[in-house]
C-alpha atoms as a PDB file:
ATOM      1  CA  MET A   1      13.773 -39.700  45.859  1.00  0.00           C
ATOM      2  CA  LYS A   2      14.223 -38.207  42.405  1.00  0.00           C
ATOM      3  CA  LYS A   3      10.481 -38.224  41.813  1.00  0.00           C
ATOM      4  CA  ARG A   4       9.889 -36.253  44.981  1.00  0.00           C
ATOM      5  CA  THR A   5      12.527 -33.656  43.988  1.00  0.00           C
ATOM      6  CA  LEU A   6      11.014 -33.315  40.510  1.00  0.00           C
ATOM      7  CA  ASN A   7       7.518 -32.804  41.921  1.00  0.00           C
ATOM      8  CA  ARG A   8       8.804 -30.132  44.291  1.00  0.00           C
ATOM      9  CA  TYR A   9      10.669 -28.406  41.439  1.00  0.00           C
ATOM     10  CA  ILE A  10       7.527 -28.359  39.279  1.00  0.00           C
ATOM     11  CA  ALA A  11       5.380 -27.184  42.179  1.00  0.00           C
ATOM     12  CA  ASP A  12       7.666 -24.184  42.727  1.00  0.00           C
ATOM     13  CA  GLU A  13       7.197 -22.958  39.137  1.00  0.00           C
ATOM     14  CA  LYS A  14       3.662 -21.633  39.456  1.00  0.00           C
ATOM     15  CA  GLY A  15       3.141 -18.567  37.284  1.00  0.00           C
ATOM     16  CA  GLN A  16       5.967 -19.395  34.911  1.00  0.00           C
ATOM     17  CA  ALA A  17       3.584 -19.625  31.943  1.00  0.00           C
ATOM     18  CA  LEU A  18       2.335 -16.121  32.680  1.00  0.00           C
ATOM     19  CA  ILE A  19       5.864 -14.721  32.578  1.00  0.00           C
ATOM     20  CA  ILE A  20       6.636 -16.545  29.319  1.00  0.00           C
ATOM     21  CA  VAL A  21       3.415 -15.281  27.732  1.00  0.00           C
ATOM     22  CA  MET A  22       4.123 -11.715  28.875  1.00  0.00           C
ATOM     23  CA  ILE A  23       7.644 -11.856  27.405  1.00  0.00           C
ATOM     24  CA  LEU A  24       6.309 -13.236  24.108  1.00  0.00           C
ATOM     25  CA  MET A  25       3.667 -10.508  23.966  1.00  0.00           C
ATOM     26  CA  LEU A  26       6.297  -7.834  24.598  1.00  0.00           C
ATOM     27  CA  VAL A  27       8.601  -9.203  21.907  1.00  0.00           C
ATOM     28  CA  SER A  28       5.763  -9.503  19.390  1.00  0.00           C
ATOM     29  CA  ALA A  29       4.611  -5.950  20.174  1.00  0.00           C
ATOM     30  CA  LEU A  30       8.142  -4.688  19.637  1.00  0.00           C
ATOM     31  CA  VAL A  31       8.203  -6.397  16.237  1.00  0.00           C
ATOM     32  CA  ILE A  32       4.641  -5.767  15.029  1.00  0.00           C
ATOM     33  CA  VAL A  33       4.366  -2.035  15.776  1.00  0.00           C
ATOM     34  CA  PRO A  34       7.309  -0.987  13.561  1.00  0.00           C
ATOM     35  CA  MET A  35       6.118  -3.330  10.825  1.00  0.00           C
ATOM     36  CA  LEU A  36       2.663  -1.731  10.851  1.00  0.00           C
ATOM     37  CA  SER A  37       4.240   1.708  10.711  1.00  0.00           C
ATOM     38  CA  HIS A  38       6.351   0.650   7.733  1.00  0.00           C
ATOM     39  CA  VAL A  39       3.332  -0.795   5.927  1.00  0.00           C
ATOM     40  CA  GLY A  40       1.348   2.374   6.601  1.00  0.00           C
ATOM     41  CA  SER A  41       4.040   4.600   5.144  1.00  0.00           C
ATOM     42  CA  GLY A  42       4.286   2.316   2.112  1.00  0.00           C
ATOM     43  CA  LEU A  43       0.551   2.601   1.534  1.00  0.00           C
ATOM     44  CA  LYS A  44       0.747   6.381   1.781  1.00  0.00           C
ATOM     45  CA  SER A  45       3.563   6.623  -0.755  1.00  0.00           C
ATOM     46  CA  GLY A  46       1.704   4.231  -3.066  1.00  0.00           C
ATOM     47  CA  LYS A  47      -1.366   6.442  -2.826  1.00  0.00           C
ATOM     48  CA  ASP A  48       0.739   9.501  -3.683  1.00  0.00           C
ATOM     49  CA  VAL A  49       2.176   7.769  -6.758  1.00  0.00           C
ATOM     50  CA  TYR A  50      -1.322   6.756  -7.870  1.00  0.00           C
ATOM     51  CA  GLU A  51      -2.579  10.329  -7.483  1.00  0.00           C
ATOM     52  CA  GLU A  52       0.352  11.703  -9.491  1.00  0.00           C
ATOM     53  CA  ARG A  53      -0.314   9.230 -12.308  1.00  0.00           C
ATOM     54  CA  MET A  54      -4.017  10.044 -12.222  1.00  0.00           C
ATOM     55  CA  TYR A  55      -3.336  13.801 -12.484  1.00  0.00           C
ATOM     56  CA  ALA A  56      -0.886  13.187 -15.338  1.00  0.00           C
ATOM     57  CA  GLN A  57      -3.520  11.140 -17.171  1.00  0.00           C
ATOM     58  CA  TYR A  58      -6.127  13.878 -16.682  1.00  0.00           C
ATOM     59  CA  ALA A  59      -3.660  16.515 -17.921  1.00  0.00           C
ATOM     60  CA  ALA A  60      -2.866  14.467 -21.031  1.00  0.00           C
ATOM     61  CA  ASP A  61      -6.552  13.884 -21.760  1.00  0.00           C
ATOM     62  CA  SER A  62      -7.380  17.559 -21.357  1.00  0.00           C
ATOM     63  CA  GLY A  63      -4.455  18.491 -23.623  1.00  0.00           C
ATOM     64  CA  VAL A  64      -5.776  16.227 -26.365  1.00  0.00           C
ATOM     65  CA  GLU A  65      -9.296  17.600 -25.925  1.00  0.00           C
ATOM     66  CA  ASP A  66      -7.967  21.171 -26.079  1.00  0.00           C
ATOM     67  CA  ALA A  67      -5.989  20.429 -29.245  1.00  0.00           C
ATOM     68  CA  LEU A  68      -9.049  18.865 -30.899  1.00  0.00           C
ATOM     69  CA  TYR A  69     -11.184  21.840 -29.919  1.00  0.00           C
ATOM     70  CA  LYS A  70      -8.659  24.321 -31.329  1.00  0.00           C
ATOM     71  CA  ILE A  71      -8.362  22.388 -34.585  1.00  0.00           C
ATOM     72  CA  GLN A  72     -12.143  22.219 -34.965  1.00  0.00           C
ATOM     73  CA  THR A  73     -12.710  25.901 -34.174  1.00  0.00           C
ATOM     74  CA  ASP A  74      -9.731  27.339 -36.074  1.00  0.00           C
ATOM     75  CA  TYR A  75     -10.206  25.192 -39.174  1.00  0.00           C
ATOM     76  CA  PRO A  76     -13.930  24.494 -39.548  1.00  0.00           C
ATOM     77  CA  ASP A  77     -13.547  23.446 -43.198  1.00  0.00           C
ATOM     78  CA  LEU A  78     -11.430  20.400 -42.378  1.00  0.00           C
ATOM     79  CA  PRO A  79     -13.159  17.120 -43.150  1.00  0.00           C
ATOM     80  CA  VAL A  80     -14.116  15.021 -40.181  1.00  0.00           C
ATOM     81  CA  VAL A  81     -12.802  11.852 -41.819  1.00  0.00           C
ATOM     82  CA  TRP A  82      -9.681  11.922 -43.948  1.00  0.00           C
ATOM     83  CA  ASP A  83     -10.297  10.221 -47.270  1.00  0.00           C
ATOM     84  CA  GLY A  84      -6.715   9.854 -48.337  1.00  0.00           C
ATOM     85  CA  PRO A  85      -5.503   7.711 -51.235  1.00  0.00           C
ATOM     86  CA  TRP A  86      -4.469   4.912 -48.848  1.00  0.00           C
ATOM     87  CA  ILE A  87      -8.056   4.174 -47.840  1.00  0.00           C
END
């Protein structure tokens, strides 16, 4: 008697796996989409920081080059290598 009731109960649950899969897909979509958005914004801010550091490095390099150029053009008699007493 119990076996017959169990078989009838299982037979009435056709399509239950589809509903469970659809619910899992909905929940995972609700979790994954905001996570991807968060990761994307983090990548963008990381790129901005990298660009700022790169521009700062270029500015520092050009400042050094400009200073060397001005020293070489304003004081052409300076020796290229300093032969101080400590060498």
